[in-house]
PDB file of all heavy atoms in Angstrom:
ATOM      1  N   THR A   1     -11.765  -0.303  19.125  1.00  0.00           N
ATOM      2  CA  THR A   1     -12.033   0.957  19.835  1.00  0.00           C
ATOM      3  C   THR A   1     -12.837   1.935  18.982  1.00  0.00           C
ATOM      4  O   THR A   1     -13.074   3.068  19.400  1.00  0.00           O
ATOM      5  CB  THR A   1     -10.718   1.636  20.249  1.00  0.00           C
ATOM      6  OG1 THR A   1     -10.003   2.068  19.085  1.00  0.00           O
ATOM      7  CG2 THR A   1      -9.840   0.693  21.056  1.00  0.00           C
ATOM      8  N   SER A   2     -13.258   1.513  17.794  1.00  0.00           N
ATOM      9  CA  SER A   2     -13.993   2.397  16.872  1.00  0.00           C
ATOM     10  C   SER A   2     -15.299   2.902  17.492  1.00  0.00           C
ATOM     11  O   SER A   2     -16.017   2.157  18.151  1.00  0.00           O
ATOM     12  CB  SER A   2     -14.312   1.635  15.588  1.00  0.00           C
ATOM     13  OG  SER A   2     -15.120   2.403  14.736  1.00  0.00           O
ATOM     14  N   PRO A   3     -15.594   4.199  17.206  1.00  0.00           N
ATOM     15  CA  PRO A   3     -14.763   5.198  16.523  1.00  0.00           C
ATOM     16  C   PRO A   3     -13.843   5.900  17.513  1.00  0.00           C
ATOM     17  O   PRO A   3     -14.280   6.382  18.553  1.00  0.00           O
ATOM     18  CB  PRO A   3     -15.797   6.170  15.942  1.00  0.00           C
ATOM     19  CG  PRO A   3     -16.953   6.100  16.910  1.00  0.00           C
ATOM     20  CD  PRO A   3     -16.949   4.708  17.468  1.00  0.00           C
ATOM     21  N   SER A   4     -12.571   6.007  17.172  1.00  0.00           N
ATOM     22  CA  SER A   4     -11.604   6.692  18.030  1.00  0.00           C
ATOM     23  C   SER A   4     -10.328   6.923  17.237  1.00  0.00           C
ATOM     24  O   SER A   4     -10.116   6.334  16.170  1.00  0.00           O
ATOM     25  CB  SER A   4     -11.285   5.850  19.274  1.00  0.00           C
ATOM     26  OG  SER A   4     -10.408   4.784  18.951  1.00  0.00           O
ATOM     27  N   GLY A   5      -9.440   7.743  17.786  1.00  0.00           N
ATOM     28  CA  GLY A   5      -8.160   7.963  17.155  1.00  0.00           C
ATOM     29  C   GLY A   5      -7.287   6.727  17.172  1.00  0.00           C
ATOM     30  O   GLY A   5      -6.425   6.555  16.301  1.00  0.00           O
ATOM     31  N   VAL A   6      -7.479   5.855  18.163  1.00  0.00           N
ATOM     32  CA  VAL A   6      -6.722   4.607  18.218  1.00  0.00           C
ATOM     33  C   VAL A   6      -7.121   3.703  17.054  1.00  0.00           C
ATOM     34  O   VAL A   6      -6.268   3.102  16.395  1.00  0.00           O
ATOM     35  CB  VAL A   6      -6.936   3.911  19.575  1.00  0.00           C
ATOM     36  CG1 VAL A   6      -6.293   2.528  19.583  1.00  0.00           C
ATOM     37  CG2 VAL A   6      -6.365   4.769  20.700  1.00  0.00           C
ATOM     38  N   GLU A   7      -8.419   3.621  16.800  1.00  0.00           N
ATOM     39  CA  GLU A   7      -8.876   2.867  15.618  1.00  0.00           C
ATOM     40  C   GLU A   7      -8.354   3.517  14.346  1.00  0.00           C
ATOM     41  O   GLU A   7      -7.920   2.836  13.405  1.00  0.00           O
ATOM     42  CB  GLU A   7     -10.403   2.802  15.602  1.00  0.00           C
ATOM     43  CG  GLU A   7     -11.010   2.308  14.311  1.00  0.00           C
ATOM     44  CD  GLU A   7     -11.348   3.452  13.357  1.00  0.00           C
ATOM     45  OE1 GLU A   7     -11.948   4.447  13.800  1.00  0.00           O
ATOM     46  OE2 GLU A   7     -10.994   3.339  12.159  1.00  0.00           O
ATOM     47  N   GLY A   8      -8.376   4.859  14.293  1.00  0.00           N
ATOM     48  CA  GLY A   8      -7.860   5.562  13.123  1.00  0.00           C
ATOM     49  C   GLY A   8      -6.386   5.288  12.893  1.00  0.00           C
ATOM     50  O   GLY A   8      -5.915   5.255  11.754  1.00  0.00           O
ATOM     51  N   ALA A   9      -5.643   5.052  13.977  1.00  0.00           N
ATOM     52  CA  ALA A   9      -4.224   4.718  13.846  1.00  0.00           C
ATOM     53  C   ALA A   9      -4.044   3.335  13.227  1.00  0.00           C
ATOM     54  O   ALA A   9      -3.136   3.122  12.419  1.00  0.00           O
ATOM     55  CB  ALA A   9      -3.537   4.779  15.208  1.00  0.00           C
ATOM     56  N   ALA A  10      -4.901   2.387  13.598  1.00  0.00           N
ATOM     57  CA  ALA A  10      -4.828   1.053  12.989  1.00  0.00           C
ATOM     58  C   ALA A  10      -5.099   1.133  11.490  1.00  0.00           C
ATOM     59  O   ALA A  10      -4.428   0.479  10.682  1.00  0.00           O
ATOM     60  CB  ALA A  10      -5.823   0.117  13.662  1.00  0.00           C
ATOM     61  N   THR A  11      -6.072   1.959  11.111  1.00  0.00           N
ATOM     62  CA  THR A  11      -6.370   2.160   9.693  1.00  0.00           C
ATOM     63  C   THR A  11      -5.209   2.843   8.992  1.00  0.00           C
ATOM     64  O   THR A  11      -4.764   2.418   7.917  1.00  0.00           O
ATOM     65  CB  THR A  11      -7.642   3.005   9.533  1.00  0.00           C
ATOM     66  OG1 THR A  11      -8.740   2.337  10.162  1.00  0.00           O
ATOM     67  CG2 THR A  11      -7.965   3.237   8.067  1.00  0.00           C
ATOM     68  N   GLY A  12      -4.695   3.914   9.585  1.00  0.00           N
ATOM     69  CA  GLY A  12      -3.599   4.653   8.977  1.00  0.00           C
ATOM     70  C   GLY A  12      -2.345   3.817   8.817  1.00  0.00           C
ATOM     71  O   GLY A  12      -1.650   3.910   7.796  1.00  0.00           O
ATOM     72  N   LEU A  13      -2.048   2.982   9.807  1.00  0.00           N
ATOM     73  CA  LEU A  13      -0.873   2.127   9.699  1.00  0.00           C
ATOM     74  C   LEU A  13      -1.052   1.124   8.564  1.00  0.00           C
ATOM     75  O   LEU A  13      -0.095   0.800   7.851  1.00  0.00           O
ATOM     76  CB  LEU A  13      -0.625   1.391  11.020  1.00  0.00           C
ATOM     77  CG  LEU A  13       0.663   0.566  11.087  1.00  0.00           C
ATOM     78  CD1 LEU A  13       1.889   1.432  10.856  1.00  0.00           C
ATOM     79  CD2 LEU A  13       0.758  -0.172  12.420  1.00  0.00           C
ATOM     80  N   GLY A  14      -2.296   0.656   8.363  1.00  0.00           N
ATOM     81  CA  GLY A  14      -2.563  -0.217   7.230  1.00  0.00           C
ATOM     82  C   GLY A  14      -2.238   0.464   5.913  1.00  0.00           C
ATOM     83  O   GLY A  14      -1.610  -0.126   5.026  1.00  0.00           O
ATOM     84  N   TYR A  15      -2.631   1.731   5.773  1.00  0.00           N
ATOM     85  CA  TYR A  15      -2.336   2.479   4.550  1.00  0.00           C
ATOM     86  C   TYR A  15      -0.839   2.732   4.385  1.00  0.00           C
ATOM     87  O   TYR A  15      -0.302   2.669   3.275  1.00  0.00           O
ATOM     88  CB  TYR A  15      -3.099   3.793   4.536  1.00  0.00           C
ATOM     89  CG  TYR A  15      -4.500   3.666   4.001  1.00  0.00           C
ATOM     90  CD1 TYR A  15      -5.583   3.484   4.857  1.00  0.00           C
ATOM     91  CD2 TYR A  15      -4.755   3.706   2.636  1.00  0.00           C
ATOM     92  CE1 TYR A  15      -6.866   3.347   4.367  1.00  0.00           C
ATOM     93  CE2 TYR A  15      -6.035   3.574   2.137  1.00  0.00           C
ATOM     94  CZ  TYR A  15      -7.089   3.395   3.008  1.00  0.00           C
ATOM     95  OH  TYR A  15      -8.359   3.254   2.516  1.00  0.00           O
ATOM     96  N   SER A  16      -0.142   3.045   5.469  1.00  0.00           N
ATOM     97  CA  SER A  16       1.297   3.270   5.374  1.00  0.00           C
ATOM     98  C   SER A  16       2.036   1.977   5.020  1.00  0.00           C
ATOM     99  O   SER A  16       3.004   1.990   4.254  1.00  0.00           O
ATOM    100  CB  SER A  16       1.829   3.847   6.690  1.00  0.00           C
ATOM    101  OG  SER A  16       1.436   5.205   6.838  1.00  0.00           O
ATOM    102  N   LYS A  17       1.567   0.855   5.551  1.00  0.00           N
ATOM    103  CA  LYS A  17       2.164  -0.436   5.184  1.00  0.00           C
ATOM    104  C   LYS A  17       1.887  -0.766   3.718  1.00  0.00           C
ATOM    105  O   LYS A  17       2.726  -1.366   3.040  1.00  0.00           O
ATOM    106  CB  LYS A  17       1.623  -1.543   6.088  1.00  0.00           C
ATOM    107  CG  LYS A  17       2.170  -1.522   7.504  1.00  0.00           C
ATOM    108  CD  LYS A  17       1.612  -2.683   8.326  1.00  0.00           C
ATOM    109  CE  LYS A  17       2.207  -2.718   9.718  1.00  0.00           C
ATOM    110  NZ  LYS A  17       1.646  -3.850  10.520  1.00  0.00           N
ATOM    111  N   MET A  18       0.704  -0.395   3.230  1.00  0.00           N
ATOM    112  CA  MET A  18       0.399  -0.596   1.812  1.00  0.00           C
ATOM    113  C   MET A  18       1.449   0.072   0.933  1.00  0.00           C
ATOM    114  O   MET A  18       1.924  -0.511  -0.048  1.00  0.00           O
ATOM    115  CB  MET A  18      -0.983  -0.016   1.488  1.00  0.00           C
ATOM    116  CG  MET A  18      -2.153  -0.818   1.979  1.00  0.00           C
ATOM    117  SD  MET A  18      -3.699   0.149   2.014  1.00  0.00           S
ATOM    118  CE  MET A  18      -3.740   0.876   0.373  1.00  0.00           C
ATOM    119  N   VAL A  19       1.806   1.312   1.266  1.00  0.00           N
ATOM    120  CA  VAL A  19       2.812   2.046   0.491  1.00  0.00           C
ATOM    121  C   VAL A  19       4.129   1.283   0.471  1.00  0.00           C
ATOM    122  O   VAL A  19       4.742   1.075  -0.582  1.00  0.00           O
ATOM    123  CB  VAL A  19       3.036   3.455   1.093  1.00  0.00           C
ATOM    124  CG1 VAL A  19       4.137   4.184   0.339  1.00  0.00           C
ATOM    125  CG2 VAL A  19       1.749   4.254   1.093  1.00  0.00           C
ATOM    126  N   PHE A  20       4.554   0.855   1.640  1.00  0.00           N
ATOM    127  CA  PHE A  20       5.824   0.158   1.794  1.00  0.00           C
ATOM    128  C   PHE A  20       5.851  -1.132   0.974  1.00  0.00           C
ATOM    129  O   PHE A  20       6.755  -1.370   0.171  1.00  0.00           O
ATOM    130  CB  PHE A  20       6.038  -0.136   3.287  1.00  0.00           C
ATOM    131  CG  PHE A  20       7.288  -0.883   3.622  1.00  0.00           C
ATOM    132  CD1 PHE A  20       8.479  -0.215   3.819  1.00  0.00           C
ATOM    133  CD2 PHE A  20       7.273  -2.261   3.765  1.00  0.00           C
ATOM    134  CE1 PHE A  20       9.643  -0.903   4.138  1.00  0.00           C
ATOM    135  CE2 PHE A  20       8.423  -2.969   4.081  1.00  0.00           C
ATOM    136  CZ  PHE A  20       9.617  -2.285   4.271  1.00  0.00           C
ATOM    137  N   VAL A  21       4.833  -1.965   1.157  1.00  0.00           N
ATOM    138  CA  VAL A  21       4.802  -3.275   0.506  1.00  0.00           C
ATOM    139  C   VAL A  21       4.672  -3.135  -1.005  1.00  0.00           C
ATOM    140  O   VAL A  21       5.394  -3.795  -1.772  1.00  0.00           O
ATOM    141  CB  VAL A  21       3.652  -4.125   1.080  1.00  0.00           C
ATOM    142  CG1 VAL A  21       3.494  -5.421   0.292  1.00  0.00           C
ATOM    143  CG2 VAL A  21       3.889  -4.426   2.550  1.00  0.00           C
ATOM    144  N   ALA A  22       3.750  -2.288  -1.464  1.00  0.00           N
ATOM    145  CA  ALA A  22       3.519  -2.145  -2.903  1.00  0.00           C
ATOM    146  C   ALA A  22       4.748  -1.577  -3.606  1.00  0.00           C
ATOM    147  O   ALA A  22       5.119  -2.019  -4.702  1.00  0.00           O
ATOM    148  CB  ALA A  22       2.303  -1.264  -3.162  1.00  0.00           C
ATOM    149  N   ASN A  23       5.386  -0.594  -3.000  1.00  0.00           N
ATOM    150  CA  ASN A  23       6.571  -0.006  -3.622  1.00  0.00           C
ATOM    151  C   ASN A  23       7.692  -1.032  -3.751  1.00  0.00           C
ATOM    152  O   ASN A  23       8.325  -1.155  -4.809  1.00  0.00           O
ATOM    153  CB  ASN A  23       7.049   1.197  -2.810  1.00  0.00           C
ATOM    154  CG  ASN A  23       8.339   1.786  -3.345  1.00  0.00           C
ATOM    155  OD1 ASN A  23       9.422   1.394  -2.923  1.00  0.00           O
ATOM    156  ND2 ASN A  23       8.229   2.717  -4.282  1.00  0.00           N
ATOM    157  N   LEU A  24       7.939  -1.786  -2.698  1.00  0.00           N
ATOM    158  CA  LEU A  24       9.037  -2.750  -2.734  1.00  0.00           C
ATOM    159  C   LEU A  24       8.766  -3.877  -3.728  1.00  0.00           C
ATOM    160  O   LEU A  24       9.672  -4.301  -4.460  1.00  0.00           O
ATOM    161  CB  LEU A  24       9.281  -3.329  -1.339  1.00  0.00           C
ATOM    162  CG  LEU A  24       9.740  -2.353  -0.248  1.00  0.00           C
ATOM    163  CD1 LEU A  24      10.127  -3.126   1.006  1.00  0.00           C
ATOM    164  CD2 LEU A  24      10.896  -1.488  -0.709  1.00  0.00           C
ATOM    165  N   LEU A  25       7.525  -4.354  -3.778  1.00  0.00           N
ATOM    166  CA  LEU A  25       7.230  -5.430  -4.724  1.00  0.00           C
ATOM    167  C   LEU A  25       7.321  -4.931  -6.166  1.00  0.00           C
ATOM    168  O   LEU A  25       7.807  -5.649  -7.050  1.00  0.00           O
ATOM    169  CB  LEU A  25       5.848  -6.021  -4.455  1.00  0.00           C
ATOM    170  CG  LEU A  25       5.531  -7.269  -5.279  1.00  0.00           C
ATOM    171  CD1 LEU A  25       6.512  -8.399  -4.974  1.00  0.00           C
ATOM    172  CD2 LEU A  25       4.097  -7.730  -5.050  1.00  0.00           C
ATOM    173  N   ALA A  26       6.880  -3.706  -6.416  1.00  0.00           N
ATOM    174  CA  ALA A  26       7.017  -3.136  -7.760  1.00  0.00           C
ATOM    175  C   ALA A  26       8.491  -3.035  -8.155  1.00  0.00           C
ATOM    176  O   ALA A  26       8.873  -3.342  -9.294  1.00  0.00           O
ATOM    177  CB  ALA A  26       6.344  -1.766  -7.830  1.00  0.00           C
ATOM    178  N   MET A  27       9.330  -2.613  -7.214  1.00  0.00           N
ATOM    179  CA  MET A  27      10.765  -2.513  -7.508  1.00  0.00           C
ATOM    180  C   MET A  27      11.366  -3.889  -7.783  1.00  0.00           C
ATOM    181  O   MET A  27      12.242  -4.040  -8.639  1.00  0.00           O
ATOM    182  CB  MET A  27      11.486  -1.843  -6.337  1.00  0.00           C
ATOM    183  CG  MET A  27      11.067  -0.410  -6.091  1.00  0.00           C
ATOM    184  SD  MET A  27      11.527   0.709  -7.433  1.00  0.00           S
ATOM    185  CE  MET A  27      13.134   1.243  -6.900  1.00  0.00           C
ATOM    186  N   PHE A  28      10.901  -4.914  -7.081  1.00  0.00           N
ATOM    187  CA  PHE A  28      11.382  -6.271  -7.317  1.00  0.00           C
ATOM    188  C   PHE A  28      11.031  -6.730  -8.734  1.00  0.00           C
ATOM    189  O   PHE A  28      11.870  -7.277  -9.453  1.00  0.00           O
ATOM    190  CB  PHE A  28      10.785  -7.219  -6.280  1.00  0.00           C
ATOM    191  CG  PHE A  28      11.106  -8.673  -6.523  1.00  0.00           C
ATOM    192  CD1 PHE A  28      12.374  -9.165  -6.282  1.00  0.00           C
ATOM    193  CD2 PHE A  28      10.133  -9.536  -6.994  1.00  0.00           C
ATOM    194  CE1 PHE A  28      12.681 -10.505  -6.514  1.00  0.00           C
ATOM    195  CE2 PHE A  28      10.421 -10.873  -7.227  1.00  0.00           C
ATOM    196  CZ  PHE A  28      11.702 -11.357  -6.987  1.00  0.00           C
ATOM    197  N   ILE A  29       9.780  -6.485  -9.128  1.00  0.00           N
ATOM    198  CA  ILE A  29       9.346  -6.888 -10.473  1.00  0.00           C
ATOM    199  C   ILE A  29      10.125  -6.138 -11.539  1.00  0.00           C
ATOM    200  O   ILE A  29      10.543  -6.712 -12.554  1.00  0.00           O
ATOM    201  CB  ILE A  29       7.828  -6.660 -10.621  1.00  0.00           C
ATOM    202  CG1 ILE A  29       7.062  -7.622  -9.708  1.00  0.00           C
ATOM    203  CG2 ILE A  29       7.383  -6.830 -12.074  1.00  0.00           C
ATOM    204  CD1 ILE A  29       5.568  -7.377  -9.645  1.00  0.00           C
ATOM    205  N   ARG A  30      10.381  -4.852 -11.328  1.00  0.00           N
ATOM    206  CA  ARG A  30      11.172  -4.082 -12.285  1.00  0.00           C
ATOM    207  C   ARG A  30      12.599  -4.620 -12.369  1.00  0.00           C
ATOM    208  O   ARG A  30      13.208  -4.628 -13.438  1.00  0.00           O
ATOM    209  CB  ARG A  30      11.178  -2.607 -11.888  1.00  0.00           C
ATOM    210  CG  ARG A  30       9.828  -1.931 -12.044  1.00  0.00           C
ATOM    211  CD  ARG A  30       9.798  -0.599 -11.330  1.00  0.00           C
ATOM    212  NE  ARG A  30       8.455  -0.012 -11.344  1.00  0.00           N
ATOM    213  CZ  ARG A  30       8.045   0.931 -10.495  1.00  0.00           C
ATOM    214  NH1 ARG A  30       8.879   1.402  -9.569  1.00  0.00           N
ATOM    215  NH2 ARG A  30       6.821   1.402 -10.571  1.00  0.00           N
ATOM    216  N   GLY A  31      13.121  -5.072 -11.234  1.00  0.00           N
ATOM    217  CA  GLY A  31      14.460  -5.633 -11.223  1.00  0.00           C
ATOM    218  C   GLY A  31      14.567  -6.928 -12.012  1.00  0.00           C
ATOM    219  O   GLY A  31      15.670  -7.312 -12.433  1.00  0.00           O
ATOM    220  N   LEU A  32      13.430  -7.589 -12.229  1.00  0.00           N
ATOM    221  CA  LEU A  32      13.397  -8.801 -13.051  1.00  0.00           C
ATOM    222  C   LEU A  32      13.328  -8.477 -14.543  1.00  0.00           C
ATOM    223  O   LEU A  32      13.420  -9.378 -15.377  1.00  0.00           O
ATOM    224  CB  LEU A  32      12.194  -9.671 -12.664  1.00  0.00           C
ATOM    225  CG  LEU A  32      12.117 -10.143 -11.213  1.00  0.00           C
ATOM    226  CD1 LEU A  32      10.861 -10.980 -11.001  1.00  0.00           C
ATOM    227  CD2 LEU A  32      13.359 -10.921 -10.806  1.00  0.00           C
ATOM    228  N   GLY A  33      13.124  -7.192 -14.857  1.00  0.00           N
ATOM    229  CA  GLY A  33      13.073  -6.780 -16.253  1.00  0.00           C
ATOM    230  C   GLY A  33      11.673  -6.535 -16.782  1.00  0.00           C
ATOM    231  O   GLY A  33      11.473  -6.471 -18.002  1.00  0.00           O
ATOM    232  N   TYR A  34      10.684  -6.350 -15.889  1.00  0.00           N
ATOM    233  CA  TYR A  34       9.301  -6.133 -16.310  1.00  0.00           C
ATOM    234  C   TYR A  34       8.798  -4.801 -15.764  1.00  0.00           C
ATOM    235  O   TYR A  34       9.426  -4.167 -14.911  1.00  0.00           O
ATOM    236  CB  TYR A  34       8.416  -7.286 -15.821  1.00  0.00           C
ATOM    237  CG  TYR A  34       8.791  -8.617 -16.411  1.00  0.00           C
ATOM    238  CD1 TYR A  34       9.746  -9.425 -15.799  1.00  0.00           C
ATOM    239  CD2 TYR A  34       8.223  -9.051 -17.607  1.00  0.00           C
ATOM    240  CE1 TYR A  34      10.116 -10.648 -16.346  1.00  0.00           C
ATOM    241  CE2 TYR A  34       8.586 -10.272 -18.163  1.00  0.00           C
ATOM    242  CZ  TYR A  34       9.533 -11.064 -17.532  1.00  0.00           C
ATOM    243  OH  TYR A  34       9.890 -12.261 -18.089  1.00  0.00           O
ATOM    244  N   ARG A  35       7.643  -4.382 -16.253  1.00  0.00           N
ATOM    245  CA  ARG A  35       7.039  -3.129 -15.810  1.00  0.00           C
ATOM    246  C   ARG A  35       6.049  -3.402 -14.676  1.00  0.00           C
ATOM    247  O   ARG A  35       5.429  -4.468 -14.636  1.00  0.00           O
ATOM    248  CB  ARG A  35       6.332  -2.439 -16.968  1.00  0.00           C
ATOM    249  CG  ARG A  35       7.261  -2.006 -18.104  1.00  0.00           C
ATOM    250  CD  ARG A  35       6.473  -1.426 -19.273  1.00  0.00           C
ATOM    251  NE  ARG A  35       5.646  -2.443 -19.914  1.00  0.00           N
ATOM    252  CZ  ARG A  35       4.693  -2.178 -20.806  1.00  0.00           C
ATOM    253  NH1 ARG A  35       4.434  -0.917 -21.140  1.00  0.00           N
ATOM    254  NH2 ARG A  35       3.994  -3.159 -21.350  1.00  0.00           N
ATOM    255  N   ALA A  36       5.898  -2.431 -13.771  1.00  0.00           N
ATOM    256  CA  ALA A  36       5.020  -2.622 -12.624  1.00  0.00           C
ATOM    257  C   ALA A  36       4.414  -1.300 -12.179  1.00  0.00           C
ATOM    258  O   ALA A  36       5.124  -0.299 -12.068  1.00  0.00           O
ATOM    259  CB  ALA A  36       5.780  -3.259 -11.463  1.00  0.00           C
ATOM    260  N   ILE A  37       3.113  -1.299 -11.941  1.00  0.00           N
ATOM    261  CA  ILE A  37       2.391  -0.131 -11.449  1.00  0.00           C
ATOM    262  C   ILE A  37       1.928  -0.427 -10.019  1.00  0.00           C
ATOM    263  O   ILE A  37       1.015  -1.222  -9.807  1.00  0.00           O
ATOM    264  CB  ILE A  37       1.169   0.180 -12.324  1.00  0.00           C
ATOM    265  CG1 ILE A  37       1.603   0.597 -13.730  1.00  0.00           C
ATOM    266  CG2 ILE A  37       0.310   1.269 -11.689  1.00  0.00           C
ATOM    267  CD1 ILE A  37       0.444   0.792 -14.687  1.00  0.00           C
ATOM    268  N   PRO A  38       2.567   0.174  -8.998  1.00  0.00           N
ATOM    269  CA  PRO A  38       2.076   0.008  -7.635  1.00  0.00           C
ATOM    270  C   PRO A  38       0.848   0.886  -7.408  1.00  0.00           C
ATOM    271  O   PRO A  38       0.776   2.008  -7.918  1.00  0.00           O
ATOM    272  CB  PRO A  38       3.259   0.461  -6.781  1.00  0.00           C
ATOM    273  CG  PRO A  38       3.994   1.440  -7.643  1.00  0.00           C
ATOM    274  CD  PRO A  38       3.768   1.026  -9.070  1.00  0.00           C
ATOM    275  N   SER A  39      -0.102   0.393  -6.645  1.00  0.00           N
ATOM    276  CA  SER A  39      -1.360   1.115  -6.489  1.00  0.00           C
ATOM    277  C   SER A  39      -1.945   0.885  -5.108  1.00  0.00           C
ATOM    278  O   SER A  39      -1.962  -0.248  -4.607  1.00  0.00           O
ATOM    279  CB  SER A  39      -2.361   0.649  -7.563  1.00  0.00           C
ATOM    280  OG  SER A  39      -3.652   1.159  -7.320  1.00  0.00           O
ATOM    281  N   GLY A  40      -2.424   1.964  -4.499  1.00  0.00           N
ATOM    282  CA  GLY A  40      -3.175   1.875  -3.253  1.00  0.00           C
ATOM    283  C   GLY A  40      -4.656   1.984  -3.570  1.00  0.00           C
ATOM    284  O   GLY A  40      -5.254   1.083  -4.145  1.00  0.00           O
ATOM    285  N   ASN A  41      -5.254   3.123  -3.205  1.00  0.00           N
ATOM    286  CA  ASN A  41      -6.659   3.372  -3.566  1.00  0.00           C
ATOM    287  C   ASN A  41      -6.781   4.014  -4.944  1.00  0.00           C
ATOM    288  O   ASN A  41      -7.886   4.308  -5.388  1.00  0.00           O
ATOM    289  CB  ASN A  41      -7.329   4.269  -2.525  1.00  0.00           C
ATOM    290  CG  ASN A  41      -7.726   3.505  -1.283  1.00  0.00           C
ATOM    291  OD1 ASN A  41      -7.473   2.309  -1.172  1.00  0.00           O
ATOM    292  ND2 ASN A  41      -8.333   4.193  -0.331  1.00  0.00           N
ATOM    293  N   ASP A  42      -5.682   4.235  -5.615  1.00  0.00           N
ATOM    294  CA  ASP A  42      -5.685   4.905  -6.907  1.00  0.00           C
ATOM    295  C   ASP A  42      -5.792   3.903  -8.055  1.00  0.00           C
ATOM    296  O   ASP A  42      -5.699   2.692  -7.857  1.00  0.00           O
ATOM    297  CB  ASP A  42      -4.390   5.709  -7.064  1.00  0.00           C
ATOM    298  CG  ASP A  42      -3.156   4.817  -6.906  1.00  0.00           C
ATOM    299  OD1 ASP A  42      -2.869   4.410  -5.756  1.00  0.00           O
ATOM    300  OD2 ASP A  42      -2.507   4.513  -7.904  1.00  0.00           O
ATOM    301  N   THR A  43      -5.989   4.409  -9.250  1.00  0.00           N
ATOM    302  CA  THR A  43      -5.877   3.697 -10.534  1.00  0.00           C
ATOM    303  C   THR A  43      -7.003   2.702 -10.803  1.00  0.00           C
ATOM    304  O   THR A  43      -7.644   2.738 -11.857  1.00  0.00           O
ATOM    305  CB  THR A  43      -4.515   2.977 -10.673  1.00  0.00           C
ATOM    306  OG1 THR A  43      -3.466   3.919 -10.416  1.00  0.00           O
ATOM    307  CG2 THR A  43      -4.345   2.389 -12.065  1.00  0.00           C
ATOM    308  N   ALA A  44      -7.266   1.775  -9.871  1.00  0.00           N
ATOM    309  CA  ALA A  44      -8.260   0.731 -10.122  1.00  0.00           C
ATOM    310  C   ALA A  44      -8.950   0.331  -8.821  1.00  0.00           C
ATOM    311  O   ALA A  44      -8.435   0.586  -7.721  1.00  0.00           O
ATOM    312  CB  ALA A  44      -7.606  -0.488 -10.765  1.00  0.00           C
ATOM    313  N   LEU A  45     -10.104  -0.304  -8.956  1.00  0.00           N
ATOM    314  CA  LEU A  45     -10.918  -0.711  -7.810  1.00  0.00           C
ATOM    315  C   LEU A  45     -10.305  -1.944  -7.146  1.00  0.00           C
ATOM    316  O   LEU A  45     -10.108  -2.977  -7.785  1.00  0.00           O
ATOM    317  CB  LEU A  45     -12.339  -1.015  -8.268  1.00  0.00           C
ATOM    318  CG  LEU A  45     -13.091   0.164  -8.890  1.00  0.00           C
ATOM    319  CD1 LEU A  45     -14.318  -0.328  -9.646  1.00  0.00           C
ATOM    320  CD2 LEU A  45     -13.505   1.152  -7.803  1.00  0.00           C
ATOM    321  N   SER A  46     -10.061  -1.857  -5.854  1.00  0.00           N
ATOM    322  CA  SER A  46      -9.356  -2.923  -5.157  1.00  0.00           C
ATOM    323  C   SER A  46     -10.235  -4.111  -4.801  1.00  0.00           C
ATOM    324  O   SER A  46      -9.777  -5.256  -4.861  1.00  0.00           O
ATOM    325  CB  SER A  46      -8.703  -2.369  -3.885  1.00  0.00           C
ATOM    326  OG  SER A  46      -7.703  -1.430  -4.186  1.00  0.00           O
TER     327      SER A  46
END
């Protein structure tokens, strides 16, 4: 539907899912005894 708010919602949901997935996987790695930096568009080039 691009460009539209419906398309923007698909993009936004992708970003919100990124937060969820990256945070949980980082917590899993930390639970194993290692360090983990979760990252979306920050820190490094994807």
